[in-house]
């Protein structure tokens, strides 16, 4: 028994003679933002800026960690009496808001990809 193979060559030239400027901008933005898009690029920065507001722990609320923010809000009052420990909690909350937001973006990108 003999088998015959047929090879067919398909020309995929879909008239790519012109460059689409919108596609060029998308590719440039994708490369600049590391592939996470505008919200993924800005989310940690926004969380950081919100965390700079003292006493309210808005960065944690922004990251939807309401229990953590409420706990730190309650803990800060005894710490205010010890002036040395409150700045540590304040700086830690700023860093935590940044790290958690970055992890949210990273996790959402691994799910999408």
C-alpha atoms as a PDB file:
ATOM      1  CA  UNK A   1       0.000   0.000   0.000  1.00  0.00           C
ATOM      2  CA  UNK A   2       1.327   3.370  -0.873  1.00  0.00           C
ATOM      3  CA  UNK A   3       0.356   6.634   0.787  1.00  0.00           C
ATOM      4  CA  UNK A   4       0.323   9.962  -0.878  1.00  0.00           C
ATOM      5  CA  UNK A   5       1.119  13.142   0.986  1.00  0.00           C
ATOM      6  CA  UNK A   6      -0.146  16.439  -0.291  1.00  0.00           C
ATOM      7  CA  UNK A   7       1.764  19.558   0.651  1.00  0.00           C
ATOM      8  CA  UNK A   8      -0.175  22.775   0.325  1.00  0.00           C
ATOM      9  CA  UNK A   9       1.509  26.159   0.690  1.00  0.00           C
ATOM     10  CA  UNK A  10      -0.756  28.900   1.992  1.00  0.00           C
ATOM     11  CA  UNK A  11       0.223  32.515   1.497  1.00  0.00           C
ATOM     12  CA  UNK A  12      -0.522  34.389   4.750  1.00  0.00           C
ATOM     13  CA  UNK A  13       0.173  37.802   3.284  1.00  0.00           C
ATOM     14  CA  UNK A  14      -2.861  39.742   4.499  1.00  0.00           C
ATOM     15  CA  UNK A  15      -1.714  43.018   2.980  1.00  0.00           C
ATOM     16  CA  UNK A  16       0.596  44.019   5.841  1.00  0.00           C
ATOM     17  CA  UNK A  17       2.066  46.761   3.700  1.00  0.00           C
ATOM     18  CA  UNK A  18       0.955  49.497   6.137  1.00  0.00           C
ATOM     19  CA  UNK A  19       1.791  49.756   9.831  1.00  0.00           C
ATOM     20  CA  UNK A  20      -1.121  50.185  12.206  1.00  0.00           C
ATOM     21  CA  UNK A  21      -0.193  53.035  14.597  1.00  0.00           C
ATOM     22  CA  UNK A  22      -2.592  51.824  17.284  1.00  0.00           C
ATOM     23  CA  UNK A  23      -0.948  48.413  17.325  1.00  0.00           C
ATOM     24  CA  UNK A  24       2.479  50.051  17.538  1.00  0.00           C
ATOM     25  CA  UNK A  25       1.374  52.076  20.581  1.00  0.00           C
ATOM     26  CA  UNK A  26      -0.050  48.920  22.211  1.00  0.00           C
ATOM     27  CA  UNK A  27       3.221  47.056  21.728  1.00  0.00           C
ATOM     28  CA  UNK A  28       5.258  49.979  23.080  1.00  0.00           C
ATOM     29  CA  UNK A  29       2.985  50.304  26.135  1.00  0.00           C
ATOM     30  CA  UNK A  30       3.138  46.542  26.710  1.00  0.00           C
ATOM     31  CA  UNK A  31       6.937  46.685  26.723  1.00  0.00           C
ATOM     32  CA  UNK A  32       7.104  49.770  28.973  1.00  0.00           C
ATOM     33  CA  UNK A  33       4.621  48.469  31.556  1.00  0.00           C
ATOM     34  CA  UNK A  34       6.136  44.993  31.669  1.00  0.00           C
ATOM     35  CA  UNK A  35       3.002  43.434  30.227  1.00  0.00           C
ATOM     36  CA  UNK A  36       0.798  44.205  33.214  1.00  0.00           C
ATOM     37  CA  UNK A  37      -1.085  47.101  31.650  1.00  0.00           C
ATOM     38  CA  UNK A  38      -1.773  50.571  33.010  1.00  0.00           C
ATOM     39  CA  UNK A  39      -3.707  49.470  36.111  1.00  0.00           C
ATOM     40  CA  UNK A  40      -1.142  46.860  37.059  1.00  0.00           C
ATOM     41  CA  UNK A  41       1.618  49.425  36.686  1.00  0.00           C
ATOM     42  CA  UNK A  42      -0.170  52.049  38.777  1.00  0.00           C
ATOM     43  CA  UNK A  43      -1.837  49.909  41.461  1.00  0.00           C
ATOM     44  CA  UNK A  44       1.216  49.579  43.768  1.00  0.00           C
ATOM     45  CA  UNK A  45       1.927  53.306  43.434  1.00  0.00           C
ATOM     46  CA  UNK A  46      -1.661  54.204  44.337  1.00  0.00           C
ATOM     47  CA  UNK A  47      -1.584  51.805  47.305  1.00  0.00           C
ATOM     48  CA  UNK A  48       1.682  53.397  48.439  1.00  0.00           C
ATOM     49  CA  UNK A  49       0.265  56.931  48.174  1.00  0.00           C
ATOM     50  CA  UNK A  50      -2.895  55.977  50.073  1.00  0.00           C
ATOM     51  CA  UNK A  51      -0.806  54.302  52.769  1.00  0.00           C
ATOM     52  CA  UNK A  52       1.011  57.592  53.358  1.00  0.00           C
ATOM     53  CA  UNK A  53      -2.141  58.982  55.016  1.00  0.00           C
ATOM     54  CA  UNK A  54      -1.421  58.473  58.718  1.00  0.00           C
ATOM     55  CA  UNK A  55      -3.765  56.809  61.242  1.00  0.00           C
ATOM     56  CA  UNK A  56      -6.299  55.412  58.713  1.00  0.00           C
ATOM     57  CA  UNK A  57      -4.431  52.559  56.943  1.00  0.00           C
ATOM     58  CA  UNK A  58      -6.198  53.309  53.664  1.00  0.00           C
ATOM     59  CA  UNK A  59      -3.590  51.354  51.694  1.00  0.00           C
ATOM     60  CA  UNK A  60      -4.795  48.141  53.322  1.00  0.00           C
ATOM     61  CA  UNK A  61      -8.416  49.032  52.612  1.00  0.00           C
ATOM     62  CA  UNK A  62      -7.451  49.716  48.979  1.00  0.00           C
ATOM     63  CA  UNK A  63      -5.983  46.199  48.801  1.00  0.00           C
ATOM     64  CA  UNK A  64      -9.249  44.844  50.291  1.00  0.00           C
ATOM     65  CA  UNK A  65      -7.580  43.765  53.510  1.00  0.00           C
ATOM     66  CA  UNK A  66     -10.138  45.370  55.796  1.00  0.00           C
ATOM     67  CA  UNK A  67      -9.477  43.118  58.788  1.00  0.00           C
ATOM     68  CA  UNK A  68      -5.775  43.915  58.726  1.00  0.00           C
ATOM     69  CA  UNK A  69      -6.529  47.653  58.516  1.00  0.00           C
ATOM     70  CA  UNK A  70      -9.044  47.446  61.364  1.00  0.00           C
ATOM     71  CA  UNK A  71      -6.580  45.500  63.492  1.00  0.00           C
ATOM     72  CA  UNK A  72      -3.782  47.975  62.898  1.00  0.00           C
ATOM     73  CA  UNK A  73      -6.192  50.836  63.534  1.00  0.00           C
ATOM     74  CA  UNK A  74      -7.039  49.346  66.945  1.00  0.00           C
ATOM     75  CA  UNK A  75      -3.402  48.564  67.764  1.00  0.00           C
ATOM     76  CA  UNK A  76      -2.165  52.059  66.982  1.00  0.00           C
ATOM     77  CA  UNK A  77      -3.817  53.716  69.994  1.00  0.00           C
ATOM     78  CA  UNK A  78      -1.771  51.894  72.636  1.00  0.00           C
ATOM     79  CA  UNK A  79       1.269  52.372  70.387  1.00  0.00           C
ATOM     80  CA  UNK A  80       0.647  56.126  70.278  1.00  0.00           C
ATOM     81  CA  UNK A  81       1.370  56.141  73.982  1.00  0.00           C
ATOM     82  CA  UNK A  82       4.754  54.643  73.197  1.00  0.00           C
ATOM     83  CA  UNK A  83       5.946  57.182  70.689  1.00  0.00           C
ATOM     84  CA  UNK A  84       8.740  54.894  69.556  1.00  0.00           C
ATOM     85  CA  UNK A  85       6.596  52.030  68.266  1.00  0.00           C
ATOM     86  CA  UNK A  86       3.928  53.936  66.308  1.00  0.00           C
ATOM     87  CA  UNK A  87       6.313  55.083  63.529  1.00  0.00           C
ATOM     88  CA  UNK A  88       7.378  51.459  63.066  1.00  0.00           C
ATOM     89  CA  UNK A  89       3.751  50.414  62.528  1.00  0.00           C
ATOM     90  CA  UNK A  90       3.189  53.385  60.210  1.00  0.00           C
ATOM     91  CA  UNK A  91       6.215  52.586  58.033  1.00  0.00           C
ATOM     92  CA  UNK A  92       5.398  48.884  58.056  1.00  0.00           C
ATOM     93  CA  UNK A  93       1.855  49.615  56.824  1.00  0.00           C
ATOM     94  CA  UNK A  94       3.229  51.645  53.905  1.00  0.00           C
ATOM     95  CA  UNK A  95       5.548  48.828  52.885  1.00  0.00           C
ATOM     96  CA  UNK A  96       2.826  46.222  53.378  1.00  0.00           C
ATOM     97  CA  UNK A  97       0.400  48.135  51.142  1.00  0.00           C
ATOM     98  CA  UNK A  98       3.036  48.239  48.387  1.00  0.00           C
ATOM     99  CA  UNK A  99       3.990  44.550  48.699  1.00  0.00           C
ATOM    100  CA  UNK A 100       0.437  43.242  48.837  1.00  0.00           C
ATOM    101  CA  UNK A 101      -0.633  45.359  45.881  1.00  0.00           C
ATOM    102  CA  UNK A 102       2.351  44.165  43.850  1.00  0.00           C
ATOM    103  CA  UNK A 103       1.492  40.555  44.726  1.00  0.00           C
ATOM    104  CA  UNK A 104      -2.139  41.097  43.651  1.00  0.00           C
ATOM    105  CA  UNK A 105      -0.958  42.375  40.285  1.00  0.00           C
ATOM    106  CA  UNK A 106       1.532  39.517  39.901  1.00  0.00           C
ATOM    107  CA  UNK A 107      -1.077  36.896  40.779  1.00  0.00           C
ATOM    108  CA  UNK A 108      -3.666  38.343  38.408  1.00  0.00           C
ATOM    109  CA  UNK A 109      -1.122  38.346  35.579  1.00  0.00           C
ATOM    110  CA  UNK A 110      -0.159  34.718  36.144  1.00  0.00           C
ATOM    111  CA  UNK A 111      -3.843  33.749  36.041  1.00  0.00           C
ATOM    112  CA  UNK A 112      -4.394  35.678  32.803  1.00  0.00           C
ATOM    113  CA  UNK A 113      -1.259  34.374  31.079  1.00  0.00           C
END
